Every structure is written in structure tokens, then in C-alpha cells.
Amino acid sequence: RLAPEKEALGMIRFLVLVLGLCCLPGRLLLAQSVVIDQSYTYDASMTGGFYRASDMANDYNLGQEFIPSLSSLNFIDLYINTAVQSQGIAEGMGVDIHSDNINGPLVGTSDYKRVPFAGGGETRFTFNNAVTLIPGERYVIAPWNTASPWNPAPVSFYVPGTDGPGYDGGRWIYGTFSPTYYTDRDMWFREGIIVPEPSTIVLLALGGGAACLLKRRRLP
């Protein structure tokens, strides 16, 4: 068996390893596991069109109903398109979650997001606090942006064409000033939860350190 002072030295080295790992950036310490609950991601070479969300200049009622099977969400994926302008960056945008209908109680608002002009594609909106949901109840995804008459920055959201299979858990909503509910198409979306997990590098490092420590404690 190792002498007590060598045993103590081994323990100190192990603790230094743990403290060193704690100083690493969070993205190295934690991996992310994504659980998708409800989604409609029909593409078919982008048939359909892009539709604007509500902003400071116009009152567009744009949304998508969904019925969750999970009790919470902390991200929404949407397919967006931004206009081309000289400023170089788009106005901020985000997503609200309403219960029952697009004018129903607000149950969650995503973090504020900015994207480049002439950009777009699949875009993730995250929620700092998970949105509590009741499985089986109806909710509405309602995106928005902060364009204004003096600084227009239209952001549009993709709605696949009527040739798609459709989403059975809700309807697409669109209309100026008052919402119209459509049953022949749905907005492109994904919703679910992101679960942080210890990364492989951390588990291997801790496991290796523990194995070395145990080996030192064995009898020769």
C-alpha cells in the first residue's frame, strides 16, 4: 500500500483535475441531447411560400397550432427568410407561445434573437425558462419581429405548400388584423426540449483519474 503522504498527493492531483475541468468552457463540459416532440418539416424543394410575422409596422397574425405530448418545451425551430438591406443585420425577432388560440394567454416568450440580412434557413429560438405545457391541450407558436416603418426589416416564415401531408395536431394561422385558420397547410416548425448532459471528455477524464487513484491505493 502507498504511504499516506503519497496517497494524499494522489488525492490532491485528482482534485486538481476536477477543478481544472470546472474551469473549461461550458460547451466542453456539457453536451446537448435534443428531444423533438411536435414537428412539421415538409420540404419538397421548398414549395409553398414565406409569410411575414407581426411587427411594429404591420399587424400580421401568423402562427401555428400544436398539441404537445410533453409537459414542457425550451426551443422552437422555424424556417425563416430575411430581407436584403444595407444595414447588414436584421431587427430582432422571437417567438411567443399562447395557450388555446393566437390571442390566448401568453405562457412563454423566447430569447431575443438577431440574424443577418439575406440570411435564413432553419433557425432555433430558445427559452431561458422552460415553458410549462399541459399534454393534449392546444397551444400556438406566434413568431414576431421588431421591424418598423422607419427601419423596415421584414422577416418571413416558411409555410409549405398544400401538396404536403400536413400536421394533424393543429392549423396554420394567418391574417391581417384578424386571424384566419387554414386546414390545408401548416407552418414549418419543430418544438421540444434540450437536455444538457456531461460531455464524453469530462466523463473520460474523471473516470481515468478515479482509476489511477484506485490503482495507487492497491497493495503491491
C-alpha atoms as a PDB file:
ATOM      1  CA  ARG A   1       0.000   0.000   0.000  1.00  0.00           C
ATOM      2  CA  LEU A   2       1.204   3.549  -0.745  1.00  0.00           C
ATOM      3  CA  ALA A   3       2.469   5.695   2.085  1.00  0.00           C
ATOM      4  CA  PRO A   4      -0.103   8.145   3.475  1.00  0.00           C
ATOM      5  CA  GLU A   5       1.726  11.164   2.046  1.00  0.00           C
ATOM      6  CA  LYS A   6       1.715   9.640  -1.459  1.00  0.00           C
ATOM      7  CA  GLU A   7      -1.950   8.758  -1.080  1.00  0.00           C
ATOM      8  CA  ALA A   8      -2.677  12.349  -0.130  1.00  0.00           C
ATOM      9  CA  LEU A   9      -0.670  13.585  -3.106  1.00  0.00           C
ATOM     10  CA  GLY A  10      -2.699  11.369  -5.436  1.00  0.00           C
ATOM     11  CA  MET A  11      -5.925  12.737  -3.987  1.00  0.00           C
ATOM     12  CA  ILE A  12      -4.668  16.306  -4.454  1.00  0.00           C
ATOM     13  CA  ARG A  13      -3.841  15.591  -8.095  1.00  0.00           C
ATOM     14  CA  PHE A  14      -7.317  14.156  -8.639  1.00  0.00           C
ATOM     15  CA  LEU A  15      -8.911  17.241  -7.083  1.00  0.00           C
ATOM     16  CA  VAL A  16      -6.759  19.486  -9.284  1.00  0.00           C
ATOM     17  CA  LEU A  17      -8.051  17.550 -12.306  1.00  0.00           C
ATOM     18  CA  VAL A  18     -11.651  18.104 -11.212  1.00  0.00           C
ATOM     19  CA  LEU A  19     -11.065  21.819 -10.595  1.00  0.00           C
ATOM     20  CA  GLY A  20      -9.367  22.142 -13.966  1.00  0.00           C
ATOM     21  CA  LEU A  21     -12.373  20.600 -15.694  1.00  0.00           C
ATOM     22  CA  CYS A  22     -14.637  23.049 -13.896  1.00  0.00           C
ATOM     23  CA  CYS A  23     -12.680  25.908 -15.478  1.00  0.00           C
ATOM     24  CA  LEU A  24     -13.306  24.645 -19.010  1.00  0.00           C
ATOM     25  CA  PRO A  25     -15.915  26.423 -21.169  1.00  0.00           C
ATOM     26  CA  GLY A  26     -19.450  25.185 -20.630  1.00  0.00           C
ATOM     27  CA  ARG A  27     -19.721  23.863 -24.178  1.00  0.00           C
ATOM     28  CA  LEU A  28     -16.914  21.373 -23.407  1.00  0.00           C
ATOM     29  CA  LEU A  29     -18.386  20.312 -20.078  1.00  0.00           C
ATOM     30  CA  LEU A  30     -21.917  19.731 -21.312  1.00  0.00           C
ATOM     31  CA  ALA A  31     -23.249  18.075 -24.421  1.00  0.00           C
ATOM     32  CA  GLN A  32     -26.825  18.577 -25.562  1.00  0.00           C
ATOM     33  CA  SER A  33     -29.469  15.969 -26.161  1.00  0.00           C
ATOM     34  CA  VAL A  34     -32.416  17.241 -28.217  1.00  0.00           C
ATOM     35  CA  VAL A  35     -35.846  15.690 -27.760  1.00  0.00           C
ATOM     36  CA  ILE A  36     -38.290  16.698 -30.509  1.00  0.00           C
ATOM     37  CA  ASP A  37     -41.949  16.465 -29.582  1.00  0.00           C
ATOM     38  CA  GLN A  38     -44.155  18.003 -32.299  1.00  0.00           C
ATOM     39  CA  SER A  39     -42.941  18.983 -35.775  1.00  0.00           C
ATOM     40  CA  TYR A  40     -43.838  19.612 -39.397  1.00  0.00           C
ATOM     41  CA  THR A  41     -40.783  19.840 -41.636  1.00  0.00           C
ATOM     42  CA  TYR A  42     -42.116  19.087 -45.105  1.00  0.00           C
ATOM     43  CA  ASP A  43     -39.807  20.457 -47.795  1.00  0.00           C
ATOM     44  CA  ALA A  44     -40.316  19.026 -51.306  1.00  0.00           C
ATOM     45  CA  SER A  45     -37.846  21.560 -52.751  1.00  0.00           C
ATOM     46  CA  MET A  46     -39.426  24.444 -50.840  1.00  0.00           C
ATOM     47  CA  THR A  47     -42.854  24.515 -52.405  1.00  0.00           C
ATOM     48  CA  GLY A  48     -45.137  26.949 -50.679  1.00  0.00           C
ATOM     49  CA  GLY A  49     -44.169  30.428 -49.544  1.00  0.00           C
ATOM     50  CA  PHE A  50     -42.800  32.738 -46.872  1.00  0.00           C
ATOM     51  CA  TYR A  51     -45.148  34.849 -44.771  1.00  0.00           C
ATOM     52  CA  ARG A  52     -44.405  37.840 -42.558  1.00  0.00           C
ATOM     53  CA  ALA A  53     -44.932  37.912 -38.823  1.00  0.00           C
ATOM     54  CA  SER A  54     -46.335  40.801 -36.804  1.00  0.00           C
ATOM     55  CA  ASP A  55     -44.033  43.777 -36.362  1.00  0.00           C
ATOM     56  CA  MET A  56     -44.197  47.435 -35.319  1.00  0.00           C
ATOM     57  CA  ALA A  57     -45.400  48.468 -38.767  1.00  0.00           C
ATOM     58  CA  ASN A  58     -47.977  45.783 -39.534  1.00  0.00           C
ATOM     59  CA  ASP A  59     -50.296  43.582 -37.554  1.00  0.00           C
ATOM     60  CA  TYR A  60     -49.952  40.142 -39.140  1.00  0.00           C
ATOM     61  CA  ASN A  61     -51.484  37.270 -37.234  1.00  0.00           C
ATOM     62  CA  LEU A  62     -49.038  34.484 -38.091  1.00  0.00           C
ATOM     63  CA  GLY A  63     -48.963  31.298 -36.060  1.00  0.00           C
ATOM     64  CA  GLN A  64     -49.182  27.543 -35.886  1.00  0.00           C
ATOM     65  CA  GLU A  65     -51.259  25.453 -33.540  1.00  0.00           C
ATOM     66  CA  PHE A  66     -49.767  22.354 -31.942  1.00  0.00           C
ATOM     67  CA  ILE A  67     -50.753  19.811 -29.322  1.00  0.00           C
ATOM     68  CA  PRO A  68     -47.794  18.670 -27.190  1.00  0.00           C
ATOM     69  CA  SER A  69     -47.264  15.261 -25.673  1.00  0.00           C
ATOM     70  CA  LEU A  70     -44.534  16.553 -23.324  1.00  0.00           C
ATOM     71  CA  SER A  71     -45.083  18.777 -20.295  1.00  0.00           C
ATOM     72  CA  SER A  72     -42.624  21.497 -21.359  1.00  0.00           C
ATOM     73  CA  LEU A  73     -40.567  22.964 -24.189  1.00  0.00           C
ATOM     74  CA  ASN A  74     -37.458  25.140 -24.283  1.00  0.00           C
ATOM     75  CA  PHE A  75     -36.870  25.575 -28.015  1.00  0.00           C
ATOM     76  CA  ILE A  76     -38.747  26.235 -31.239  1.00  0.00           C
ATOM     77  CA  ASP A  77     -37.203  25.713 -34.692  1.00  0.00           C
ATOM     78  CA  LEU A  78     -38.637  27.745 -37.585  1.00  0.00           C
ATOM     79  CA  TYR A  79     -37.544  28.192 -41.205  1.00  0.00           C
ATOM     80  CA  ILE A  80     -37.015  31.894 -41.835  1.00  0.00           C
ATOM     81  CA  ASN A  81     -36.041  34.298 -44.592  1.00  0.00           C
ATOM     82  CA  THR A  82     -34.771  37.854 -44.068  1.00  0.00           C
ATOM     83  CA  ALA A  83     -34.825  40.805 -46.459  1.00  0.00           C
ATOM     84  CA  VAL A  84     -31.745  42.329 -48.076  1.00  0.00           C
ATOM     85  CA  GLN A  85     -30.810  45.772 -46.750  1.00  0.00           C
ATOM     86  CA  SER A  86     -27.671  47.834 -46.319  1.00  0.00           C
ATOM     87  CA  GLN A  87     -27.618  47.823 -42.527  1.00  0.00           C
ATOM     88  CA  GLY A  88     -26.176  44.312 -42.508  1.00  0.00           C
ATOM     89  CA  ILE A  89     -28.222  42.915 -39.630  1.00  0.00           C
ATOM     90  CA  ALA A  90     -31.910  42.287 -39.215  1.00  0.00           C
ATOM     91  CA  GLU A  91     -34.111  43.579 -36.473  1.00  0.00           C
ATOM     92  CA  GLY A  92     -34.637  41.309 -33.500  1.00  0.00           C
ATOM     93  CA  MET A  93     -37.174  38.557 -33.530  1.00  0.00           C
ATOM     94  CA  GLY A  94     -38.624  35.962 -31.233  1.00  0.00           C
ATOM     95  CA  VAL A  95     -41.451  33.521 -30.627  1.00  0.00           C
ATOM     96  CA  ASP A  96     -44.386  33.699 -28.237  1.00  0.00           C
ATOM     97  CA  ILE A  97     -46.327  30.665 -27.027  1.00  0.00           C
ATOM     98  CA  HIS A  98     -50.036  31.175 -26.375  1.00  0.00           C
ATOM     99  CA  SER A  99     -52.461  28.694 -24.903  1.00  0.00           C
ATOM    100  CA  ASP A 100     -55.680  27.733 -26.735  1.00  0.00           C
ATOM    101  CA  ASN A 101     -55.544  30.349 -29.540  1.00  0.00           C
ATOM    102  CA  ILE A 102     -53.284  33.033 -31.025  1.00  0.00           C
ATOM    103  CA  ASN A 103     -54.886  35.672 -28.801  1.00  0.00           C
ATOM    104  CA  GLY A 104     -54.985  33.393 -25.772  1.00  0.00           C
ATOM    105  CA  PRO A 105     -52.932  33.730 -22.570  1.00  0.00           C
ATOM    106  CA  LEU A 106     -49.192  34.173 -23.126  1.00  0.00           C
ATOM    107  CA  VAL A 107     -47.341  31.271 -21.483  1.00  0.00           C
ATOM    108  CA  GLY A 108     -43.811  31.856 -22.777  1.00  0.00           C
ATOM    109  CA  THR A 109     -41.539  34.159 -24.803  1.00  0.00           C
ATOM    110  CA  SER A 110     -38.291  33.073 -26.402  1.00  0.00           C
ATOM    111  CA  ASP A 111     -34.967  34.833 -26.015  1.00  0.00           C
ATOM    112  CA  TYR A 112     -34.443  37.855 -28.294  1.00  0.00           C
ATOM    113  CA  LYS A 113     -32.622  36.909 -31.494  1.00  0.00           C
ATOM    114  CA  ARG A 114     -30.898  38.772 -34.337  1.00  0.00           C
ATOM    115  CA  VAL A 115     -29.941  37.287 -37.707  1.00  0.00           C
ATOM    116  CA  PRO A 116     -28.065  38.677 -40.737  1.00  0.00           C
ATOM    117  CA  PHE A 117     -29.901  40.188 -43.667  1.00  0.00           C
ATOM    118  CA  ALA A 118     -30.111  37.971 -46.730  1.00  0.00           C
ATOM    119  CA  GLY A 119     -29.936  35.070 -44.308  1.00  0.00           C
ATOM    120  CA  GLY A 120     -32.336  32.464 -43.133  1.00  0.00           C
ATOM    121  CA  GLY A 121     -32.883  28.744 -43.102  1.00  0.00           C
ATOM    122  CA  GLU A 122     -33.528  26.630 -40.042  1.00  0.00           C
ATOM    123  CA  THR A 123     -33.355  28.915 -37.011  1.00  0.00           C
ATOM    124  CA  ARG A 124     -33.595  27.928 -33.359  1.00  0.00           C
ATOM    125  CA  PHE A 125     -35.364  30.099 -30.799  1.00  0.00           C
ATOM    126  CA  THR A 126     -34.569  29.125 -27.219  1.00  0.00           C
ATOM    127  CA  PHE A 127     -36.394  29.909 -23.990  1.00  0.00           C
ATOM    128  CA  ASN A 128     -34.375  30.890 -20.928  1.00  0.00           C
ATOM    129  CA  ASN A 129     -37.071  29.335 -18.749  1.00  0.00           C
ATOM    130  CA  ALA A 130     -38.807  26.185 -19.943  1.00  0.00           C
ATOM    131  CA  VAL A 131     -42.421  26.767 -20.967  1.00  0.00           C
ATOM    132  CA  THR A 132     -44.796  24.625 -18.931  1.00  0.00           C
ATOM    133  CA  LEU A 133     -47.345  22.789 -21.097  1.00  0.00           C
ATOM    134  CA  ILE A 134     -50.321  20.540 -20.485  1.00  0.00           C
ATOM    135  CA  PRO A 135     -50.041  17.465 -22.724  1.00  0.00           C
ATOM    136  CA  GLY A 136     -53.043  17.135 -25.013  1.00  0.00           C
ATOM    137  CA  GLU A 137     -54.007  20.821 -24.794  1.00  0.00           C
ATOM    138  CA  ARG A 138     -53.790  23.249 -27.752  1.00  0.00           C
ATOM    139  CA  TYR A 139     -51.036  25.887 -27.971  1.00  0.00           C
ATOM    140  CA  VAL A 140     -49.967  28.380 -30.643  1.00  0.00           C
ATOM    141  CA  ILE A 141     -46.476  29.278 -31.873  1.00  0.00           C
ATOM    142  CA  ALA A 142     -46.582  33.012 -32.715  1.00  0.00           C
ATOM    143  CA  PRO A 143     -43.349  34.495 -34.160  1.00  0.00           C
ATOM    144  CA  TRP A 144     -42.734  38.258 -34.228  1.00  0.00           C
ATOM    145  CA  ASN A 145     -40.071  40.773 -35.239  1.00  0.00           C
ATOM    146  CA  THR A 146     -39.335  44.415 -34.477  1.00  0.00           C
ATOM    147  CA  ALA A 147     -39.350  45.951 -37.949  1.00  0.00           C
ATOM    148  CA  SER A 148     -40.783  49.448 -38.133  1.00  0.00           C
ATOM    149  CA  PRO A 149     -41.819  51.941 -40.848  1.00  0.00           C
ATOM    150  CA  TRP A 150     -38.564  53.897 -40.372  1.00  0.00           C
ATOM    151  CA  ASN A 151     -36.315  50.828 -40.296  1.00  0.00           C
ATOM    152  CA  PRO A 152     -38.024  48.046 -42.227  1.00  0.00           C
ATOM    153  CA  ALA A 153     -36.589  44.586 -41.764  1.00  0.00           C
ATOM    154  CA  PRO A 154     -39.195  42.056 -42.823  1.00  0.00           C
ATOM    155  CA  VAL A 155     -38.686  38.552 -41.541  1.00  0.00           C
ATOM    156  CA  SER A 156     -40.751  35.817 -43.167  1.00  0.00           C
ATOM    157  CA  PHE A 157     -41.501  32.282 -42.049  1.00  0.00           C
ATOM    158  CA  TYR A 158     -41.826  29.280 -44.318  1.00  0.00           C
ATOM    159  CA  VAL A 159     -45.189  27.611 -44.867  1.00  0.00           C
ATOM    160  CA  PRO A 160     -45.014  24.520 -47.126  1.00  0.00           C
ATOM    161  CA  GLY A 161     -47.469  24.203 -49.998  1.00  0.00           C
ATOM    162  CA  THR A 162     -50.780  22.391 -49.976  1.00  0.00           C
ATOM    163  CA  ASP A 163     -49.159  19.346 -51.583  1.00  0.00           C
ATOM    164  CA  GLY A 164     -47.619  18.421 -48.219  1.00  0.00           C
ATOM    165  CA  PRO A 165     -49.048  15.809 -45.852  1.00  0.00           C
ATOM    166  CA  GLY A 166     -49.983  18.428 -43.262  1.00  0.00           C
ATOM    167  CA  TYR A 167     -49.714  18.406 -39.477  1.00  0.00           C
ATOM    168  CA  ASP A 168     -52.566  16.638 -37.672  1.00  0.00           C
ATOM    169  CA  GLY A 169     -52.161  18.486 -34.377  1.00  0.00           C
ATOM    170  CA  GLY A 170     -53.255  21.960 -35.433  1.00  0.00           C
ATOM    171  CA  ARG A 171     -53.848  24.613 -38.082  1.00  0.00           C
ATOM    172  CA  TRP A 172     -51.805  27.362 -39.700  1.00  0.00           C
ATOM    173  CA  ILE A 173     -52.960  30.885 -38.773  1.00  0.00           C
ATOM    174  CA  TYR A 174     -52.535  33.963 -40.941  1.00  0.00           C
ATOM    175  CA  GLY A 175     -54.387  37.211 -41.463  1.00  0.00           C
ATOM    176  CA  THR A 176     -54.027  40.957 -41.224  1.00  0.00           C
ATOM    177  CA  PHE A 177     -55.601  42.417 -38.069  1.00  0.00           C
ATOM    178  CA  SER A 178     -57.758  39.318 -37.548  1.00  0.00           C
ATOM    179  CA  PRO A 179     -56.586  35.696 -37.690  1.00  0.00           C
ATOM    180  CA  THR A 180     -57.756  33.204 -40.318  1.00  0.00           C
ATOM    181  CA  TYR A 181     -57.304  29.484 -39.615  1.00  0.00           C
ATOM    182  CA  TYR A 182     -56.228  27.245 -42.506  1.00  0.00           C
ATOM    183  CA  THR A 183     -56.641  23.478 -42.619  1.00  0.00           C
ATOM    184  CA  ASP A 184     -54.911  22.881 -45.975  1.00  0.00           C
ATOM    185  CA  ARG A 185     -51.343  23.779 -44.912  1.00  0.00           C
ATOM    186  CA  ASP A 186     -49.112  24.211 -41.867  1.00  0.00           C
ATOM    187  CA  MET A 187     -46.058  26.228 -40.892  1.00  0.00           C
ATOM    188  CA  TRP A 188     -42.625  24.572 -40.862  1.00  0.00           C
ATOM    189  CA  PHE A 189     -41.693  24.027 -37.201  1.00  0.00           C
ATOM    190  CA  ARG A 190     -40.134  21.815 -34.562  1.00  0.00           C
ATOM    191  CA  GLU A 191     -40.597  22.060 -30.814  1.00  0.00           C
ATOM    192  CA  GLY A 192     -39.161  20.147 -27.881  1.00  0.00           C
ATOM    193  CA  ILE A 193     -36.589  20.220 -25.113  1.00  0.00           C
ATOM    194  CA  ILE A 194     -32.797  20.473 -24.994  1.00  0.00           C
ATOM    195  CA  VAL A 195     -31.337  18.390 -22.166  1.00  0.00           C
ATOM    196  CA  PRO A 196     -27.733  19.174 -21.079  1.00  0.00           C
ATOM    197  CA  GLU A 197     -25.579  16.120 -20.419  1.00  0.00           C
ATOM    198  CA  PRO A 198     -21.983  15.668 -19.208  1.00  0.00           C
ATOM    199  CA  SER A 199     -19.719  15.557 -22.249  1.00  0.00           C
ATOM    200  CA  THR A 200     -17.666  12.493 -23.137  1.00  0.00           C
ATOM    201  CA  ILE A 201     -14.386  14.304 -22.460  1.00  0.00           C
ATOM    202  CA  VAL A 202     -15.419  15.052 -18.877  1.00  0.00           C
ATOM    203  CA  LEU A 203     -16.595  11.500 -18.191  1.00  0.00           C
ATOM    204  CA  LEU A 204     -13.393  10.015 -19.618  1.00  0.00           C
ATOM    205  CA  ALA A 205     -11.206  12.393 -17.642  1.00  0.00           C
ATOM    206  CA  LEU A 206     -12.991  11.740 -14.358  1.00  0.00           C
ATOM    207  CA  GLY A 207     -13.086   8.010 -14.982  1.00  0.00           C
ATOM    208  CA  GLY A 208      -9.399   7.890 -15.837  1.00  0.00           C
ATOM    209  CA  GLY A 209      -8.457   9.933 -12.799  1.00  0.00           C
ATOM    210  CA  ALA A 210     -10.514   7.733 -10.498  1.00  0.00           C
ATOM    211  CA  ALA A 211      -8.991   4.572 -12.000  1.00  0.00           C
ATOM    212  CA  CYS A 212      -5.444   5.877 -11.447  1.00  0.00           C
ATOM    213  CA  LEU A 213      -6.278   6.808  -7.877  1.00  0.00           C
ATOM    214  CA  LEU A 214      -7.688   3.370  -7.123  1.00  0.00           C
ATOM    215  CA  LYS A 215      -4.683   1.698  -8.718  1.00  0.00           C
ATOM    216  CA  ARG A 216      -2.365   3.648  -6.434  1.00  0.00           C
ATOM    217  CA  ARG A 217      -4.340   2.520  -3.402  1.00  0.00           C
ATOM    218  CA  ARG A 218      -3.971  -1.184  -4.200  1.00  0.00           C
ATOM    219  CA  LEU A 219      -1.456  -3.349  -2.450  1.00  0.00           C
ATOM    220  CA  PRO A 220       1.699  -4.008  -4.439  1.00  0.00           C
END
